[in-house]
């Protein structure tokens, strides 16, 4: 299992994964912080959901709070599910690596998606985040808590994960114009997720 195997695995198993996905919304307190950090404009916040999956339960929760959503996923399986589950959202089938939508968003989310990239592919993503960030945009993503690679499972199939060192993430965020608002490694209240919340201040 390598990083390049992630997209074919989710293409093949995405329907089953979506049915089995835990929907108790343990992520709620982080999603609330994410929305609170987004800039307050006249209209609803526009969220870019990178590696959006099926949209359940996270994007659905955001949609219920009145945000506009643009979901991006590399697989046809997931984009079709996202479009079905969130008919008012825009959805784009695209690899997050080199993503160029020519649009800026109030908030950017890469929850349980960014960490499927190799370390080499993660580093340029911070420029991609910045290219899609409106002034004071919120950015939230999950990573590992230490540098390295790991193999997890999705529907009992192996799936690749990688992480940089936390100090390197901090430097990459700073270089791209993001200020870290919160960093919680292995949050016990969120299924041991390691979560970064930052704000774009170029």
N, C-alpha and C. Protein backbone atom coordinates (compact mmCIF):
# COMPACT_ATOMS: atom_id res chain seq x y z
N UNK A 1 0.85 -1.19 0.00
CA UNK A 1 0.00 0.00 0.00
C UNK A 1 0.88 1.24 0.00
N UNK A 2 0.67 2.09 -1.01
CA UNK A 2 1.38 3.35 -1.13
C UNK A 2 0.38 4.49 -1.24
N UNK A 3 0.87 5.72 -1.23
CA UNK A 3 -0.02 6.87 -1.33
C UNK A 3 -0.84 6.83 -2.62
N UNK A 4 -0.23 6.37 -3.71
CA UNK A 4 -0.95 6.34 -4.99
C UNK A 4 -2.08 5.31 -5.01
N UNK A 5 -2.13 4.44 -4.01
CA UNK A 5 -3.21 3.45 -3.96
C UNK A 5 -4.47 3.99 -3.28
N UNK A 6 -4.38 5.17 -2.66
CA UNK A 6 -5.50 5.67 -1.87
C UNK A 6 -6.72 5.95 -2.75
N UNK A 7 -6.52 6.68 -3.84
CA UNK A 7 -7.66 7.05 -4.69
C UNK A 7 -8.35 5.81 -5.27
N UNK A 8 -7.63 4.85 -5.87
CA UNK A 8 -8.31 3.65 -6.35
C UNK A 8 -9.04 2.87 -5.26
N UNK A 9 -8.49 2.88 -4.05
CA UNK A 9 -9.14 2.15 -2.95
C UNK A 9 -10.47 2.79 -2.60
N UNK A 10 -10.50 4.11 -2.50
CA UNK A 10 -11.77 4.79 -2.19
C UNK A 10 -12.74 4.73 -3.36
N UNK A 11 -12.22 4.71 -4.57
CA UNK A 11 -13.11 4.55 -5.73
C UNK A 11 -13.83 3.22 -5.67
N UNK A 12 -13.09 2.21 -5.27
CA UNK A 12 -13.63 0.84 -5.25
C UNK A 12 -14.52 0.59 -4.04
N UNK A 13 -14.16 1.16 -2.89
CA UNK A 13 -14.83 0.82 -1.64
C UNK A 13 -15.65 1.97 -1.06
N UNK A 14 -15.74 3.09 -1.79
CA UNK A 14 -16.39 4.27 -1.25
C UNK A 14 -17.84 4.08 -0.85
N UNK A 15 -18.59 3.34 -1.63
CA UNK A 15 -19.99 3.11 -1.31
C UNK A 15 -20.12 2.38 0.03
N UNK A 16 -19.33 1.35 0.21
CA UNK A 16 -19.38 0.60 1.47
C UNK A 16 -18.87 1.44 2.62
N UNK A 17 -17.78 2.17 2.41
CA UNK A 17 -17.25 3.05 3.46
C UNK A 17 -18.30 4.05 3.91
N UNK A 18 -19.01 4.65 2.96
CA UNK A 18 -20.01 5.66 3.30
C UNK A 18 -21.13 5.07 4.15
N UNK A 19 -21.52 3.83 3.88
CA UNK A 19 -22.57 3.18 4.67
C UNK A 19 -22.09 2.88 6.08
N UNK A 20 -20.79 2.58 6.22
CA UNK A 20 -20.25 2.19 7.52
C UNK A 20 -19.73 3.39 8.33
N UNK A 21 -19.63 4.56 7.71
CA UNK A 21 -19.02 5.72 8.35
C UNK A 21 -19.77 6.11 9.63
N UNK A 22 -19.03 6.25 10.72
CA UNK A 22 -19.62 6.66 12.00
C UNK A 22 -20.25 8.04 11.85
N UNK A 23 -21.51 8.18 12.26
CA UNK A 23 -22.22 9.45 12.11
C UNK A 23 -22.61 10.07 13.45
N UNK A 24 -21.88 9.73 14.51
CA UNK A 24 -22.21 10.32 15.80
C UNK A 24 -21.68 11.75 15.95
N UNK A 25 -20.96 12.24 14.94
CA UNK A 25 -20.45 13.61 14.87
C UNK A 25 -19.59 13.98 16.08
N UNK A 26 -18.62 13.13 16.36
CA UNK A 26 -17.66 13.46 17.40
C UNK A 26 -16.85 14.71 17.03
N UNK A 27 -16.89 15.08 15.76
CA UNK A 27 -16.13 16.25 15.28
C UNK A 27 -16.84 17.57 15.56
N UNK A 28 -18.03 17.54 16.15
CA UNK A 28 -18.87 18.73 16.26
C UNK A 28 -18.15 19.91 16.90
N UNK A 29 -17.45 19.69 18.02
CA UNK A 29 -16.83 20.83 18.70
C UNK A 29 -15.74 21.47 17.85
N UNK A 30 -15.07 20.67 17.03
CA UNK A 30 -14.07 21.25 16.12
C UNK A 30 -14.74 21.98 14.96
N UNK A 31 -15.82 21.45 14.45
CA UNK A 31 -16.53 22.11 13.37
C UNK A 31 -17.09 23.45 13.84
N UNK A 32 -17.56 23.51 15.07
CA UNK A 32 -18.06 24.77 15.62
C UNK A 32 -16.93 25.80 15.74
N UNK A 33 -15.77 25.36 16.19
CA UNK A 33 -14.61 26.27 16.27
C UNK A 33 -14.21 26.75 14.87
N UNK A 34 -14.24 25.84 13.93
CA UNK A 34 -13.91 26.15 12.53
C UNK A 34 -14.83 27.24 11.99
N UNK A 35 -16.12 27.08 12.18
CA UNK A 35 -17.07 28.08 11.69
C UNK A 35 -16.91 29.40 12.42
N UNK A 36 -16.62 29.36 13.72
CA UNK A 36 -16.44 30.59 14.49
C UNK A 36 -15.21 31.36 14.04
N UNK A 37 -14.20 30.64 13.51
CA UNK A 37 -12.97 31.30 13.08
C UNK A 37 -13.08 31.90 11.68
N UNK A 38 -14.09 31.49 10.93
CA UNK A 38 -14.27 32.02 9.57
C UNK A 38 -14.70 33.48 9.63
N UNK A 39 -14.31 34.29 8.64
CA UNK A 39 -14.68 35.71 8.66
C UNK A 39 -16.19 35.89 8.56
N UNK A 40 -16.67 36.94 9.21
CA UNK A 40 -18.09 37.27 9.17
C UNK A 40 -18.34 38.26 8.04
N UNK A 41 -18.95 37.79 6.98
CA UNK A 41 -19.29 38.65 5.86
C UNK A 41 -20.80 38.82 5.77
N UNK A 42 -21.26 39.56 4.79
CA UNK A 42 -22.70 39.84 4.68
C UNK A 42 -23.51 38.58 4.39
N UNK A 43 -22.96 37.69 3.56
CA UNK A 43 -23.68 36.48 3.19
C UNK A 43 -23.17 35.27 3.95
N UNK A 44 -23.65 34.08 3.61
CA UNK A 44 -23.19 32.87 4.28
C UNK A 44 -21.73 32.56 3.95
N UNK A 45 -21.03 31.98 4.91
CA UNK A 45 -19.65 31.57 4.68
C UNK A 45 -19.60 30.51 3.58
N UNK A 46 -18.56 30.60 2.76
CA UNK A 46 -18.36 29.62 1.69
C UNK A 46 -17.21 28.72 2.09
N UNK A 47 -17.50 27.42 2.25
CA UNK A 47 -16.52 26.45 2.73
C UNK A 47 -16.04 25.58 1.58
N UNK A 48 -14.73 25.43 1.47
CA UNK A 48 -14.12 24.51 0.52
C UNK A 48 -13.80 23.23 1.29
N UNK A 49 -14.44 22.15 0.91
CA UNK A 49 -14.34 20.85 1.59
C UNK A 49 -13.46 19.94 0.75
N UNK A 50 -12.18 19.86 1.10
CA UNK A 50 -11.19 19.15 0.29
C UNK A 50 -11.09 17.70 0.75
N UNK A 51 -11.27 16.78 -0.18
CA UNK A 51 -11.36 15.37 0.18
C UNK A 51 -12.68 15.13 0.87
N UNK A 52 -13.74 15.59 0.23
CA UNK A 52 -15.06 15.73 0.87
C UNK A 52 -15.74 14.42 1.18
N UNK A 53 -15.37 13.34 0.52
CA UNK A 53 -16.05 12.09 0.76
C UNK A 53 -17.53 12.17 0.40
N UNK A 54 -18.34 11.48 1.17
CA UNK A 54 -19.77 11.41 0.86
C UNK A 54 -20.56 12.62 1.36
N UNK A 55 -19.93 13.44 2.20
CA UNK A 55 -20.63 14.59 2.78
C UNK A 55 -21.37 14.29 4.06
N UNK A 56 -21.38 13.03 4.47
CA UNK A 56 -22.06 12.63 5.70
C UNK A 56 -21.03 12.13 6.71
N UNK A 57 -21.02 12.66 7.92
CA UNK A 57 -21.96 13.63 8.48
C UNK A 57 -21.45 15.07 8.49
N UNK A 58 -20.17 15.28 8.14
CA UNK A 58 -19.56 16.59 8.38
C UNK A 58 -20.15 17.69 7.51
N UNK A 59 -20.16 17.50 6.19
CA UNK A 59 -20.69 18.55 5.32
C UNK A 59 -22.17 18.78 5.59
N UNK A 60 -22.89 17.73 5.91
CA UNK A 60 -24.31 17.89 6.23
C UNK A 60 -24.49 18.79 7.44
N UNK A 61 -23.64 18.61 8.46
CA UNK A 61 -23.70 19.47 9.65
C UNK A 61 -23.41 20.92 9.28
N UNK A 62 -22.39 21.14 8.46
CA UNK A 62 -22.06 22.50 8.03
C UNK A 62 -23.21 23.12 7.23
N UNK A 63 -23.79 22.32 6.35
CA UNK A 63 -24.91 22.81 5.53
C UNK A 63 -26.09 23.22 6.41
N UNK A 64 -26.36 22.46 7.44
CA UNK A 64 -27.46 22.79 8.36
C UNK A 64 -27.23 24.12 9.06
N UNK A 65 -25.97 24.56 9.12
CA UNK A 65 -25.65 25.83 9.75
C UNK A 65 -25.58 26.98 8.73
N UNK A 66 -26.05 26.72 7.53
CA UNK A 66 -26.27 27.78 6.56
C UNK A 66 -25.09 28.15 5.69
N UNK A 67 -24.02 27.35 5.72
CA UNK A 67 -22.87 27.69 4.88
C UNK A 67 -23.09 27.22 3.45
N UNK A 68 -22.39 27.86 2.52
CA UNK A 68 -22.31 27.36 1.15
C UNK A 68 -21.14 26.40 1.08
N UNK A 69 -21.31 25.34 0.30
CA UNK A 69 -20.29 24.30 0.25
C UNK A 69 -19.82 24.06 -1.18
N UNK A 70 -18.51 23.90 -1.31
CA UNK A 70 -17.92 23.36 -2.53
C UNK A 70 -17.08 22.16 -2.11
N UNK A 71 -17.51 20.98 -2.52
CA UNK A 71 -16.79 19.76 -2.18
C UNK A 71 -15.86 19.35 -3.31
N UNK A 72 -14.69 18.87 -2.93
CA UNK A 72 -13.70 18.38 -3.89
C UNK A 72 -13.26 16.99 -3.48
N UNK A 73 -13.33 16.06 -4.40
CA UNK A 73 -12.83 14.71 -4.13
C UNK A 73 -12.27 14.14 -5.42
N UNK A 74 -11.27 13.29 -5.28
CA UNK A 74 -10.62 12.73 -6.46
C UNK A 74 -11.40 11.58 -7.08
N UNK A 75 -12.39 11.05 -6.38
CA UNK A 75 -13.09 9.88 -6.88
C UNK A 75 -14.50 10.21 -7.37
N UNK A 76 -14.90 9.52 -8.42
CA UNK A 76 -16.27 9.67 -8.92
C UNK A 76 -17.26 9.12 -7.89
N UNK A 77 -16.90 8.04 -7.22
CA UNK A 77 -17.78 7.44 -6.22
C UNK A 77 -18.19 8.47 -5.18
N UNK A 78 -17.21 9.17 -4.63
CA UNK A 78 -17.49 10.12 -3.55
C UNK A 78 -18.20 11.37 -4.06
N UNK A 79 -17.80 11.87 -5.21
CA UNK A 79 -18.46 13.09 -5.70
C UNK A 79 -19.93 12.83 -6.01
N UNK A 80 -20.24 11.65 -6.50
CA UNK A 80 -21.64 11.32 -6.77
C UNK A 80 -22.43 11.22 -5.47
N UNK A 81 -21.84 10.62 -4.43
CA UNK A 81 -22.51 10.53 -3.14
C UNK A 81 -22.70 11.92 -2.53
N UNK A 82 -21.69 12.76 -2.63
CA UNK A 82 -21.75 14.11 -2.09
C UNK A 82 -22.86 14.90 -2.77
N UNK A 83 -22.94 14.79 -4.08
CA UNK A 83 -23.98 15.51 -4.83
C UNK A 83 -25.37 15.02 -4.44
N UNK A 84 -25.52 13.73 -4.19
CA UNK A 84 -26.80 13.18 -3.77
C UNK A 84 -27.17 13.64 -2.35
N UNK A 85 -26.20 13.58 -1.46
CA UNK A 85 -26.45 13.93 -0.06
C UNK A 85 -26.61 15.43 0.16
N UNK A 86 -25.97 16.24 -0.69
CA UNK A 86 -25.99 17.70 -0.53
C UNK A 86 -26.34 18.34 -1.88
N UNK A 87 -27.59 18.27 -2.27
CA UNK A 87 -27.97 18.72 -3.61
C UNK A 87 -27.78 20.21 -3.86
N UNK A 88 -27.66 21.02 -2.81
CA UNK A 88 -27.45 22.46 -3.01
C UNK A 88 -25.97 22.82 -3.08
N UNK A 89 -25.10 21.87 -2.81
CA UNK A 89 -23.66 22.13 -2.84
C UNK A 89 -23.10 21.99 -4.25
N UNK A 90 -21.99 22.65 -4.48
CA UNK A 90 -21.21 22.43 -5.70
C UNK A 90 -20.21 21.33 -5.41
N UNK A 91 -19.97 20.45 -6.35
CA UNK A 91 -19.00 19.38 -6.14
C UNK A 91 -18.13 19.25 -7.37
N UNK A 92 -16.83 19.07 -7.14
CA UNK A 92 -15.83 19.01 -8.21
C UNK A 92 -15.02 17.74 -8.03
N UNK A 93 -14.90 16.96 -9.09
CA UNK A 93 -14.01 15.80 -9.05
C UNK A 93 -12.62 16.26 -9.47
N UNK A 94 -11.69 16.25 -8.51
CA UNK A 94 -10.33 16.71 -8.79
C UNK A 94 -9.41 16.20 -7.69
N UNK A 95 -8.17 15.95 -8.05
CA UNK A 95 -7.13 15.61 -7.09
C UNK A 95 -6.73 16.89 -6.36
N UNK A 96 -6.65 16.84 -5.03
CA UNK A 96 -6.30 18.04 -4.27
C UNK A 96 -4.89 18.52 -4.60
N UNK A 97 -4.03 17.64 -5.04
CA UNK A 97 -2.68 18.04 -5.41
C UNK A 97 -2.74 18.89 -6.68
N UNK A 98 -2.33 20.13 -6.56
CA UNK A 98 -2.38 21.03 -7.70
C UNK A 98 -3.75 21.61 -7.95
N UNK A 99 -4.65 21.53 -6.97
CA UNK A 99 -5.99 22.08 -7.13
C UNK A 99 -5.92 23.57 -7.45
N UNK A 100 -6.68 24.00 -8.45
CA UNK A 100 -6.68 25.41 -8.86
C UNK A 100 -8.09 25.78 -9.30
N UNK A 101 -8.90 26.23 -8.36
CA UNK A 101 -10.30 26.57 -8.65
C UNK A 101 -10.48 28.03 -9.04
N UNK A 102 -9.42 28.83 -8.92
CA UNK A 102 -9.51 30.26 -9.25
C UNK A 102 -10.62 30.93 -8.46
N UNK A 103 -10.69 30.60 -7.17
CA UNK A 103 -11.73 31.13 -6.29
C UNK A 103 -11.20 31.09 -4.87
N UNK A 104 -11.64 32.04 -4.06
CA UNK A 104 -11.21 32.08 -2.65
C UNK A 104 -12.40 31.84 -1.74
N UNK A 105 -12.13 31.18 -0.62
CA UNK A 105 -13.17 30.71 0.27
C UNK A 105 -12.97 31.27 1.68
N UNK A 106 -14.07 31.34 2.43
CA UNK A 106 -14.02 31.83 3.81
C UNK A 106 -13.46 30.79 4.77
N UNK A 107 -13.52 29.54 4.38
CA UNK A 107 -13.04 28.46 5.24
C UNK A 107 -12.66 27.27 4.37
N UNK A 108 -11.59 26.59 4.76
CA UNK A 108 -11.07 25.45 4.00
C UNK A 108 -10.91 24.28 4.97
N UNK A 109 -11.49 23.16 4.62
CA UNK A 109 -11.49 21.97 5.47
C UNK A 109 -10.85 20.81 4.73
N UNK A 110 -9.92 20.13 5.40
CA UNK A 110 -9.33 18.90 4.85
C UNK A 110 -9.28 17.87 5.96
N UNK A 111 -10.45 17.36 6.31
CA UNK A 111 -10.60 16.46 7.45
C UNK A 111 -10.47 15.01 7.00
N UNK A 112 -9.49 14.33 7.57
CA UNK A 112 -9.25 12.91 7.24
C UNK A 112 -9.05 12.70 5.74
N UNK A 113 -8.38 13.64 5.09
CA UNK A 113 -8.13 13.51 3.65
C UNK A 113 -6.68 13.87 3.32
N UNK A 114 -6.26 15.03 3.77
CA UNK A 114 -4.91 15.54 3.53
C UNK A 114 -3.85 14.54 4.00
N UNK A 115 -4.13 13.82 5.09
CA UNK A 115 -3.12 12.92 5.65
C UNK A 115 -2.96 11.63 4.84
N UNK A 116 -3.74 11.46 3.76
CA UNK A 116 -3.51 10.33 2.86
C UNK A 116 -2.43 10.64 1.82
N UNK A 117 -1.99 11.90 1.75
CA UNK A 117 -0.91 12.26 0.83
C UNK A 117 0.43 11.87 1.42
N UNK A 118 1.40 11.63 0.55
CA UNK A 118 2.77 11.42 1.01
C UNK A 118 3.31 12.71 1.61
N UNK A 119 4.36 12.61 2.39
CA UNK A 119 4.98 13.80 2.96
C UNK A 119 5.40 14.78 1.87
N UNK A 120 5.95 14.26 0.79
CA UNK A 120 6.40 15.14 -0.30
C UNK A 120 5.24 15.87 -0.95
N UNK A 121 4.06 15.23 -1.01
CA UNK A 121 2.90 15.88 -1.60
C UNK A 121 2.17 16.79 -0.61
N UNK A 122 2.35 16.56 0.68
CA UNK A 122 1.73 17.44 1.67
C UNK A 122 2.35 18.83 1.67
N UNK A 123 3.65 18.92 1.52
CA UNK A 123 4.31 20.22 1.66
C UNK A 123 3.78 21.27 0.68
N UNK A 124 3.60 20.98 -0.62
CA UNK A 124 3.09 22.00 -1.53
C UNK A 124 1.62 22.34 -1.30
N UNK A 125 0.91 21.55 -0.52
CA UNK A 125 -0.51 21.81 -0.30
C UNK A 125 -0.75 23.12 0.45
N UNK A 126 0.24 23.58 1.20
CA UNK A 126 0.02 24.82 1.96
C UNK A 126 -0.07 26.02 1.05
N UNK A 127 0.64 25.99 -0.07
CA UNK A 127 0.48 27.03 -1.08
C UNK A 127 -0.90 26.91 -1.74
N UNK A 128 -1.38 25.69 -1.92
CA UNK A 128 -2.71 25.47 -2.47
C UNK A 128 -3.79 26.00 -1.52
N UNK A 129 -3.63 25.72 -0.24
CA UNK A 129 -4.57 26.28 0.74
C UNK A 129 -4.59 27.81 0.65
N UNK A 130 -3.41 28.41 0.63
CA UNK A 130 -3.33 29.88 0.59
C UNK A 130 -3.95 30.45 -0.67
N UNK A 131 -3.78 29.75 -1.79
CA UNK A 131 -4.32 30.24 -3.06
C UNK A 131 -5.84 30.24 -3.08
N UNK A 132 -6.46 29.48 -2.18
CA UNK A 132 -7.92 29.39 -2.13
C UNK A 132 -8.50 30.09 -0.89
N UNK A 133 -7.66 30.79 -0.13
CA UNK A 133 -8.10 31.40 1.12
C UNK A 133 -8.40 32.88 0.95
N UNK A 134 -9.60 33.28 1.36
CA UNK A 134 -9.94 34.70 1.45
C UNK A 134 -9.25 35.28 2.68
N UNK A 135 -9.16 36.60 2.79
CA UNK A 135 -8.56 37.20 3.99
C UNK A 135 -9.24 36.69 5.27
N UNK A 136 -8.41 36.25 6.21
CA UNK A 136 -8.84 35.73 7.52
C UNK A 136 -9.61 34.41 7.41
N UNK A 137 -9.47 33.72 6.31
CA UNK A 137 -10.13 32.43 6.14
C UNK A 137 -9.65 31.44 7.20
N UNK A 138 -10.56 30.59 7.65
CA UNK A 138 -10.20 29.50 8.56
C UNK A 138 -9.71 28.31 7.75
N UNK A 139 -8.72 27.61 8.28
CA UNK A 139 -8.20 26.37 7.69
C UNK A 139 -8.17 25.33 8.79
N UNK A 140 -8.75 24.17 8.53
CA UNK A 140 -8.68 23.08 9.50
C UNK A 140 -8.36 21.78 8.78
N UNK A 141 -7.41 21.04 9.34
CA UNK A 141 -7.04 19.75 8.76
C UNK A 141 -6.59 18.81 9.87
N UNK A 142 -6.59 17.53 9.57
CA UNK A 142 -6.10 16.51 10.49
C UNK A 142 -4.79 15.95 9.96
N UNK A 143 -3.95 15.55 10.88
CA UNK A 143 -2.64 14.99 10.54
C UNK A 143 -2.31 13.89 11.54
N UNK A 144 -1.11 13.36 11.45
CA UNK A 144 -0.59 12.54 12.53
C UNK A 144 0.06 13.43 13.59
N UNK A 145 0.37 12.87 14.74
CA UNK A 145 0.98 13.68 15.80
C UNK A 145 2.50 13.61 15.80
N UNK A 146 3.06 12.71 14.99
CA UNK A 146 4.51 12.62 14.82
C UNK A 146 4.79 12.35 13.34
N UNK A 147 6.02 12.63 12.93
CA UNK A 147 6.39 12.38 11.54
C UNK A 147 6.47 10.88 11.28
N UNK A 148 5.99 10.49 10.10
CA UNK A 148 6.10 9.09 9.73
C UNK A 148 4.97 8.64 8.83
N UNK A 149 5.00 7.37 8.47
CA UNK A 149 3.97 6.76 7.64
C UNK A 149 3.26 5.67 8.44
N UNK A 150 2.02 5.45 8.12
CA UNK A 150 1.25 4.39 8.79
C UNK A 150 0.25 3.81 7.80
N UNK A 151 -0.10 2.57 8.03
CA UNK A 151 -1.11 1.90 7.21
C UNK A 151 -2.31 1.60 8.10
N UNK A 152 -3.42 2.23 7.77
CA UNK A 152 -4.67 1.95 8.47
C UNK A 152 -5.54 1.04 7.63
N UNK A 153 -6.85 1.09 7.88
CA UNK A 153 -7.79 0.28 7.11
C UNK A 153 -9.01 1.10 6.72
N UNK A 154 -9.58 0.77 5.58
CA UNK A 154 -10.87 1.29 5.16
C UNK A 154 -11.65 0.10 4.61
N UNK A 155 -12.76 -0.21 5.24
CA UNK A 155 -13.55 -1.41 4.90
C UNK A 155 -12.64 -2.64 4.85
N UNK A 156 -11.78 -2.77 5.83
CA UNK A 156 -10.86 -3.89 5.99
C UNK A 156 -9.76 -3.95 4.92
N UNK A 157 -9.66 -2.94 4.07
CA UNK A 157 -8.56 -2.86 3.11
C UNK A 157 -7.49 -1.92 3.66
N UNK A 158 -6.23 -2.16 3.35
CA UNK A 158 -5.18 -1.26 3.84
C UNK A 158 -5.28 0.11 3.17
N UNK A 159 -4.94 1.15 3.94
CA UNK A 159 -4.97 2.52 3.42
C UNK A 159 -3.80 3.30 4.00
N UNK A 160 -3.19 4.09 3.15
CA UNK A 160 -1.95 4.80 3.50
C UNK A 160 -2.22 6.13 4.21
N UNK A 161 -1.37 6.44 5.19
CA UNK A 161 -1.37 7.74 5.87
C UNK A 161 0.08 8.20 6.04
N UNK A 162 0.26 9.51 6.08
CA UNK A 162 1.58 10.06 6.37
C UNK A 162 1.43 11.36 7.15
N UNK A 163 2.48 11.70 7.88
CA UNK A 163 2.47 12.94 8.64
C UNK A 163 3.88 13.53 8.65
N UNK A 164 3.92 14.85 8.70
CA UNK A 164 5.16 15.56 8.96
C UNK A 164 5.29 15.78 10.46
N UNK A 165 6.43 16.28 10.88
CA UNK A 165 6.62 16.66 12.27
C UNK A 165 5.78 17.90 12.58
N UNK A 166 5.19 18.01 13.75
CA UNK A 166 4.40 19.20 14.07
C UNK A 166 5.13 20.52 13.87
N UNK A 167 6.41 20.54 14.17
CA UNK A 167 7.17 21.78 13.97
C UNK A 167 7.25 22.15 12.49
N UNK A 168 7.33 21.14 11.63
CA UNK A 168 7.35 21.44 10.20
C UNK A 168 5.99 21.96 9.73
N UNK A 169 4.90 21.37 10.24
CA UNK A 169 3.58 21.92 9.90
C UNK A 169 3.47 23.39 10.32
N UNK A 170 3.95 23.70 11.51
CA UNK A 170 3.89 25.09 11.98
C UNK A 170 4.67 26.01 11.03
N UNK A 171 5.82 25.58 10.59
CA UNK A 171 6.63 26.40 9.69
C UNK A 171 5.96 26.55 8.33
N UNK A 172 5.41 25.47 7.82
CA UNK A 172 4.72 25.53 6.53
C UNK A 172 3.50 26.44 6.59
N UNK A 173 2.76 26.36 7.67
CA UNK A 173 1.61 27.25 7.86
C UNK A 173 2.06 28.70 7.92
N UNK A 174 3.08 28.97 8.69
CA UNK A 174 3.59 30.34 8.81
C UNK A 174 4.08 30.86 7.47
N UNK A 175 4.82 30.05 6.73
CA UNK A 175 5.35 30.47 5.43
C UNK A 175 4.23 30.78 4.45
N UNK A 176 3.10 30.08 4.59
CA UNK A 176 1.98 30.27 3.66
C UNK A 176 1.03 31.38 4.12
N UNK A 177 1.29 31.98 5.28
CA UNK A 177 0.47 33.09 5.75
C UNK A 177 -0.62 32.71 6.74
N UNK A 178 -0.51 31.52 7.34
CA UNK A 178 -1.52 31.06 8.29
C UNK A 178 -0.98 31.13 9.72
N UNK A 179 -1.82 31.63 10.61
CA UNK A 179 -1.51 31.64 12.04
C UNK A 179 -2.25 30.50 12.72
N UNK A 180 -1.54 29.69 13.50
CA UNK A 180 -2.17 28.58 14.20
C UNK A 180 -3.02 29.13 15.34
N UNK A 181 -4.30 28.75 15.34
CA UNK A 181 -5.21 29.12 16.42
C UNK A 181 -5.30 28.02 17.48
N UNK A 182 -5.35 26.81 17.02
CA UNK A 182 -5.41 25.66 17.93
C UNK A 182 -4.68 24.48 17.30
N UNK A 183 -4.00 23.72 18.14
CA UNK A 183 -3.40 22.46 17.73
C UNK A 183 -3.60 21.48 18.87
N UNK A 184 -4.28 20.38 18.58
CA UNK A 184 -4.52 19.37 19.61
C UNK A 184 -4.10 18.01 19.08
N UNK A 185 -2.99 17.46 19.60
CA UNK A 185 -2.60 16.12 19.17
C UNK A 185 -3.42 15.05 19.86
N UNK A 186 -3.90 14.10 19.09
CA UNK A 186 -4.63 12.94 19.59
C UNK A 186 -5.74 13.36 20.57
N UNK A 187 -6.64 14.18 20.10
CA UNK A 187 -7.72 14.70 20.92
C UNK A 187 -8.58 13.56 21.48
N UNK A 188 -8.60 13.36 22.79
CA UNK A 188 -9.38 12.25 23.35
C UNK A 188 -10.88 12.44 23.19
N UNK A 189 -11.32 13.68 22.93
CA UNK A 189 -12.74 13.95 22.74
C UNK A 189 -13.15 13.87 21.28
N UNK A 190 -12.21 13.49 20.42
CA UNK A 190 -12.51 13.41 18.99
C UNK A 190 -11.84 12.19 18.37
N UNK A 191 -11.99 11.07 19.03
CA UNK A 191 -11.48 9.82 18.46
C UNK A 191 -9.99 9.80 18.21
N UNK A 192 -9.22 10.53 19.04
CA UNK A 192 -7.76 10.59 18.92
C UNK A 192 -7.28 11.30 17.65
N UNK A 193 -8.15 12.08 17.03
CA UNK A 193 -7.71 12.88 15.88
C UNK A 193 -6.71 13.95 16.33
N UNK A 194 -5.71 14.18 15.50
CA UNK A 194 -4.80 15.30 15.69
C UNK A 194 -5.27 16.41 14.77
N UNK A 195 -5.62 17.56 15.35
CA UNK A 195 -6.35 18.60 14.62
C UNK A 195 -5.59 19.92 14.65
N UNK A 196 -5.53 20.54 13.49
CA UNK A 196 -4.96 21.88 13.33
C UNK A 196 -6.06 22.85 12.90
N UNK A 197 -6.15 23.99 13.55
CA UNK A 197 -7.05 25.07 13.16
C UNK A 197 -6.22 26.33 13.02
N UNK A 198 -6.26 26.94 11.85
CA UNK A 198 -5.45 28.12 11.57
C UNK A 198 -6.28 29.17 10.86
N UNK A 199 -5.71 30.36 10.75
CA UNK A 199 -6.40 31.48 10.08
C UNK A 199 -5.42 32.15 9.13
N UNK A 200 -5.91 32.48 7.95
CA UNK A 200 -5.08 33.08 6.90
C UNK A 200 -4.91 34.58 7.17
N UNK A 201 -3.66 34.96 7.39
CA UNK A 201 -3.34 36.37 7.65
C UNK A 201 -2.07 36.74 6.87
N UNK A 202 -2.23 36.86 5.55
CA UNK A 202 -1.04 37.08 4.71
C UNK A 202 -0.40 38.44 4.97
